[in-house]
């Protein structure tokens, strides 16, 4: 089967995206929403893992999106192929599925996947999500409540976020973060657009405890106040526990700048959509 190819007229250093999904309708839909967000890209759409392997052998892509269920192989098998086939080894691989949440909580995505996108968020959000990988924004807006007890790490990560236009309020413990949120609630405000926290912190409370308090004490859902948790713990059970507690997503340490910024900007955009629908 020939690939579905959308060729952009811009002939500069054009980013390329490979879309792998068994449904032609889904491939066309993904292509349309991505081109609406990033019109300067070329998109190649294929239906099977074998076709994807052929495209990957013929050229390099900047991003690959993969459905979990393909007619000839599991999407994670294809992700492994990408990782083991130079020169594509460092390419971002995004799983696009309606089964992300359950697999994520069971930590079944595996080491080969860069990120994942749940179809329930809508394909328009997917276009924005992919834009974060292809063309990270330089003028992002939003306030990050950043919880990190290492001054050295905090300084580097804060500069990283501020470089993209984010406003950062840094505290060194979960207790300080909760105090900040309580003061904000007293004036009728949430106190941040997104929380970024380490797991291990000074004080009695961990980053996991902070997530639990945000979800239960404050009653802020994942759309109202997204929480990204940074962790160096590779134990799948511990990672799954953080997600079940209410973390929107995890960022594995050591933190890679583009991945962190993409995840932050995506959570900010989703939260903005949730607020707009709530107040519509």
Protein backbone atom coordinates (compact mmCIF):
# COMPACT_ATOMS: atom_id res chain seq x y z
CA UNK A 1 0.00 0.00 0.00
CA UNK A 2 1.34 3.44 -0.89
CA UNK A 3 1.79 5.92 1.91
CA UNK A 4 -0.61 8.84 2.33
CA UNK A 5 1.68 11.83 1.82
CA UNK A 6 0.84 15.47 2.47
CA UNK A 7 3.59 17.57 0.94
CA UNK A 8 3.86 21.16 2.03
CA UNK A 9 4.89 23.79 -0.51
CA UNK A 10 7.51 25.22 1.86
CA UNK A 11 10.77 23.65 0.61
CA UNK A 12 13.07 24.88 3.40
CA UNK A 13 14.29 22.70 6.24
CA UNK A 14 10.86 21.16 6.56
CA UNK A 15 10.20 18.90 9.58
CA UNK A 16 8.77 15.47 8.75
CA UNK A 17 6.22 13.49 10.74
CA UNK A 18 5.39 9.81 10.27
CA UNK A 19 1.82 8.86 11.26
CA UNK A 20 1.22 5.13 11.75
CA UNK A 21 -2.42 4.08 12.18
CA UNK A 22 -4.51 1.34 10.60
CA UNK A 23 -7.41 3.71 9.97
CA UNK A 24 -7.13 5.95 6.91
CA UNK A 25 -9.72 8.26 8.44
CA UNK A 26 -7.61 8.64 11.58
CA UNK A 27 -4.46 9.25 9.54
CA UNK A 28 -6.20 11.97 7.56
CA UNK A 29 -7.63 13.50 10.74
CA UNK A 30 -4.24 13.57 12.45
CA UNK A 31 -2.68 15.08 9.31
CA UNK A 32 -5.33 17.80 9.15
CA UNK A 33 -5.06 18.91 12.77
CA UNK A 34 -1.25 18.80 12.76
CA UNK A 35 -1.06 20.88 9.56
CA UNK A 36 -3.45 23.38 11.12
CA UNK A 37 -1.02 23.83 14.03
CA UNK A 38 2.27 23.42 12.14
CA UNK A 39 1.63 24.18 8.45
CA UNK A 40 5.33 23.98 7.56
CA UNK A 41 5.63 20.20 8.03
CA UNK A 42 5.51 17.22 5.69
CA UNK A 43 3.40 14.30 6.90
CA UNK A 44 3.66 10.70 5.75
CA UNK A 45 0.83 8.38 6.78
CA UNK A 46 1.02 4.58 6.69
CA UNK A 47 -1.27 1.78 7.89
CA UNK A 48 1.08 -0.98 9.07
CA UNK A 49 4.27 -1.52 10.98
CA UNK A 50 5.96 -2.96 7.89
CA UNK A 51 5.14 0.14 5.84
CA UNK A 52 6.45 2.32 8.65
CA UNK A 53 9.70 0.36 8.72
CA UNK A 54 10.07 0.92 5.01
CA UNK A 55 9.58 4.67 5.37
CA UNK A 56 12.05 4.80 8.26
CA UNK A 57 14.65 3.01 6.14
CA UNK A 58 14.19 5.52 3.33
CA UNK A 59 14.51 8.71 5.38
CA UNK A 60 14.69 10.44 8.73
CA UNK A 61 11.63 11.84 10.51
CA UNK A 62 11.41 14.40 13.31
CA UNK A 63 8.45 12.76 15.10
CA UNK A 64 6.63 9.43 14.80
CA UNK A 65 3.08 8.84 16.06
CA UNK A 66 2.07 5.21 16.50
CA UNK A 67 -1.26 3.53 17.27
CA UNK A 68 -0.96 0.76 19.84
CA UNK A 69 -2.89 -1.73 17.71
CA UNK A 70 -1.66 -2.34 14.16
CA UNK A 71 -2.70 -5.14 11.82
CA UNK A 72 0.77 -6.71 11.66
CA UNK A 73 2.38 -5.85 15.00
CA UNK A 74 1.90 -4.13 18.34
CA UNK A 75 2.69 -0.42 18.28
CA UNK A 76 5.27 -0.90 21.03
CA UNK A 77 7.08 -3.42 18.85
CA UNK A 78 7.36 -0.75 16.17
CA UNK A 79 8.60 1.75 18.76
CA UNK A 80 11.36 -0.69 19.67
CA UNK A 81 12.30 -1.02 16.01
CA UNK A 82 12.63 2.77 15.74
CA UNK A 83 14.87 2.91 18.80
CA UNK A 84 17.12 0.15 17.51
CA UNK A 85 17.37 1.46 13.93
CA UNK A 86 19.82 4.31 13.50
CA UNK A 87 19.63 7.15 12.55
CA UNK A 88 16.14 7.31 14.06
CA UNK A 89 17.24 6.28 17.54
CA UNK A 90 16.69 9.71 19.15
CA UNK A 91 13.44 10.50 17.36
CA UNK A 92 10.45 11.37 19.60
CA UNK A 93 7.92 8.52 19.50
CA UNK A 94 4.37 9.39 20.56
CA UNK A 95 1.80 6.66 21.13
CA UNK A 96 -1.71 7.80 20.13
CA UNK A 97 -4.43 5.61 21.64
CA UNK A 98 -7.72 5.51 23.49
CA UNK A 99 -6.13 3.03 25.89
CA UNK A 100 -3.38 5.27 27.20
CA UNK A 101 -4.64 5.76 30.77
CA UNK A 102 -4.92 2.08 31.66
CA UNK A 103 -1.61 1.15 30.04
CA UNK A 104 0.06 4.16 31.60
CA UNK A 105 -1.08 3.26 35.08
CA UNK A 106 0.14 -0.30 34.54
CA UNK A 107 3.42 1.20 33.23
CA UNK A 108 3.12 -0.83 30.04
CA UNK A 109 4.33 1.85 27.65
CA UNK A 110 7.91 0.68 27.95
CA UNK A 111 11.28 2.36 27.58
CA UNK A 112 11.02 2.96 23.83
CA UNK A 113 8.15 5.47 23.90
CA UNK A 114 8.96 9.15 24.38
CA UNK A 115 5.41 10.22 25.17
CA UNK A 116 1.78 9.29 24.80
CA UNK A 117 -1.48 10.99 23.87
CA UNK A 118 -4.98 9.94 24.89
CA UNK A 119 -7.52 10.28 22.06
CA UNK A 120 -10.18 11.30 24.58
CA UNK A 121 -8.51 14.73 24.72
CA UNK A 122 -9.48 15.31 21.09
CA UNK A 123 -7.45 15.44 17.89
CA UNK A 124 -7.20 19.23 17.94
CA UNK A 125 -5.25 18.87 21.19
CA UNK A 126 -3.05 16.30 19.46
CA UNK A 127 -2.08 18.88 16.86
CA UNK A 128 -1.00 21.25 19.61
CA UNK A 129 0.81 18.42 21.36
CA UNK A 130 2.89 17.53 18.30
CA UNK A 131 3.64 21.19 17.69
CA UNK A 132 5.49 21.14 21.00
CA UNK A 133 7.96 18.63 19.56
CA UNK A 134 8.29 20.11 16.08
CA UNK A 135 8.23 23.81 16.95
CA UNK A 136 8.44 24.59 20.70
CA UNK A 137 6.98 27.96 21.53
CA UNK A 138 9.19 30.86 22.55
CA UNK A 139 6.36 32.96 23.93
CA UNK A 140 4.45 30.59 26.18
CA UNK A 141 2.19 31.95 28.90
CA UNK A 142 1.41 30.42 32.26
CA UNK A 143 2.50 30.27 35.88
CA UNK A 144 4.38 27.22 37.12
CA UNK A 145 4.48 26.37 40.82
CA UNK A 146 7.85 24.62 40.89
CA UNK A 147 8.77 22.46 43.90
CA UNK A 148 12.44 21.42 44.10
CA UNK A 149 14.76 21.37 47.11
CA UNK A 150 18.04 21.41 45.19
CA UNK A 151 19.04 25.01 44.53
CA UNK A 152 21.40 24.01 41.72
CA UNK A 153 18.76 21.89 39.92
CA UNK A 154 16.11 24.52 40.55
CA UNK A 155 18.22 27.32 39.06
CA UNK A 156 18.90 25.40 35.85
CA UNK A 157 15.32 24.17 35.43
CA UNK A 158 13.84 27.56 36.26
CA UNK A 159 15.99 29.23 33.60
CA UNK A 160 14.91 26.54 31.18
CA UNK A 161 11.21 27.31 31.77
CA UNK A 162 11.61 31.08 31.83
CA UNK A 163 13.43 30.94 28.50
CA UNK A 164 10.13 29.83 26.95
CA UNK A 165 8.18 32.64 28.58
CA UNK A 166 6.77 30.77 31.57
CA UNK A 167 6.43 32.50 34.93
CA UNK A 168 7.97 30.38 37.70
CA UNK A 169 7.24 30.50 41.43
CA UNK A 170 9.83 28.29 43.13
CA UNK A 171 9.47 26.72 46.59
CA UNK A 172 11.61 24.02 48.22
CA UNK A 173 9.02 21.84 49.94
CA UNK A 174 5.51 20.43 49.56
CA UNK A 175 4.56 22.30 52.74
CA UNK A 176 5.53 25.62 51.14
CA UNK A 177 3.66 24.73 47.97
CA UNK A 178 0.51 23.93 49.96
CA UNK A 179 0.82 27.21 51.88
CA UNK A 180 1.06 29.07 48.57
CA UNK A 181 -2.06 27.33 47.25
CA UNK A 182 -4.01 28.03 50.48
CA UNK A 183 -3.20 31.74 50.31
CA UNK A 184 -4.28 31.81 46.68
CA UNK A 185 -7.51 29.98 47.46
CA UNK A 186 -8.24 32.57 50.16
CA UNK A 187 -8.26 35.28 47.52
CA UNK A 188 -10.37 33.19 45.14
CA UNK A 189 -7.51 32.05 42.93
CA UNK A 190 -5.94 28.65 42.18
CA UNK A 191 -2.39 29.93 42.62
CA UNK A 192 -0.79 28.41 39.51
CA UNK A 193 -1.59 27.11 36.06
CA UNK A 194 0.49 23.97 36.50
CA UNK A 195 2.54 22.35 39.29
CA UNK A 196 5.95 20.81 38.61
CA UNK A 197 7.31 18.88 41.57
CA UNK A 198 10.12 16.52 42.43
CA UNK A 199 9.21 13.38 44.38
CA UNK A 200 11.88 13.61 47.08
CA UNK A 201 11.67 16.90 48.95
CA UNK A 202 12.78 18.49 52.22
CA UNK A 203 10.18 18.29 54.95
CA UNK A 204 7.77 15.56 55.93
CA UNK A 205 5.75 15.52 52.72
CA UNK A 206 6.82 14.06 49.38
CA UNK A 207 5.83 15.14 45.91
CA UNK A 208 3.31 12.29 45.94
CA UNK A 209 1.79 13.69 49.13
CA UNK A 210 1.52 17.09 47.44
CA UNK A 211 -0.38 15.56 44.51
CA UNK A 212 -2.77 13.81 46.92
CA UNK A 213 -3.45 17.06 48.83
CA UNK A 214 -4.06 19.01 45.63
CA UNK A 215 -6.57 16.43 44.41
CA UNK A 216 -8.35 15.80 47.74
CA UNK A 217 -7.85 18.74 50.14
CA UNK A 218 -8.23 21.37 47.44
CA UNK A 219 -10.45 19.35 45.14
CA UNK A 220 -8.57 20.46 42.02
CA UNK A 221 -8.96 17.94 39.19
CA UNK A 222 -6.37 17.22 36.54
CA UNK A 223 -7.81 19.84 34.23
CA UNK A 224 -8.16 22.51 36.91
CA UNK A 225 -4.57 22.23 38.18
CA UNK A 226 -2.31 19.85 36.23
CA UNK A 227 0.59 18.31 38.14
CA UNK A 228 3.77 17.00 36.53
CA UNK A 229 5.98 14.88 38.78
CA UNK A 230 9.71 14.52 38.20
CA UNK A 231 11.17 11.22 39.34
CA UNK A 232 14.37 9.28 39.04
CA UNK A 233 12.63 6.15 40.33
CA UNK A 234 12.37 3.62 37.51
CA UNK A 235 10.24 1.21 39.56
CA UNK A 236 7.00 0.75 37.52
CA UNK A 237 4.91 0.18 40.66
CA UNK A 238 6.06 3.46 42.21
CA UNK A 239 5.48 5.34 38.97
CA UNK A 240 1.99 3.84 38.67
CA UNK A 241 1.21 4.89 42.25
CA UNK A 242 2.00 8.52 41.43
CA UNK A 243 -0.36 8.43 38.48
CA UNK A 244 -3.14 6.80 40.48
CA UNK A 245 -2.71 9.48 43.15
CA UNK A 246 -3.53 12.09 40.54
CA UNK A 247 -0.39 13.14 38.69
CA UNK A 248 -1.17 14.15 35.11
CA UNK A 249 2.15 12.88 33.87
CA UNK A 250 5.69 11.95 34.89
CA UNK A 251 9.00 13.43 33.79
CA UNK A 252 11.86 10.98 34.21
CA UNK A 253 15.12 12.39 35.55
CA UNK A 254 17.61 13.47 34.39
CA UNK A 255 15.25 15.95 32.75
CA UNK A 256 15.56 16.54 29.01
CA UNK A 257 14.64 20.15 28.18
CA UNK A 258 12.54 19.64 25.06
CA UNK A 259 10.53 16.83 26.64
CA UNK A 260 9.87 18.82 29.83
CA UNK A 261 8.81 21.96 27.97
CA UNK A 262 6.59 19.97 25.60
CA UNK A 263 4.83 18.29 28.52
CA UNK A 264 4.42 21.58 30.42
CA UNK A 265 3.05 23.49 27.43
CA UNK A 266 0.70 20.67 26.57
CA UNK A 267 -0.74 20.51 30.10
CA UNK A 268 -1.15 24.28 30.09
CA UNK A 269 -3.09 24.16 26.83
CA UNK A 270 -5.33 21.31 27.98
CA UNK A 271 -6.06 23.13 31.25
CA UNK A 272 -6.91 26.28 29.30
CA UNK A 273 -9.38 24.31 27.15
CA UNK A 274 -10.96 22.83 30.27
CA UNK A 275 -11.40 26.25 31.86
CA UNK A 276 -12.86 27.69 28.65
CA UNK A 277 -15.42 24.86 28.43
CA UNK A 278 -16.29 25.23 32.10
CA UNK A 279 -16.99 28.94 31.75
CA UNK A 280 -18.67 28.69 28.35
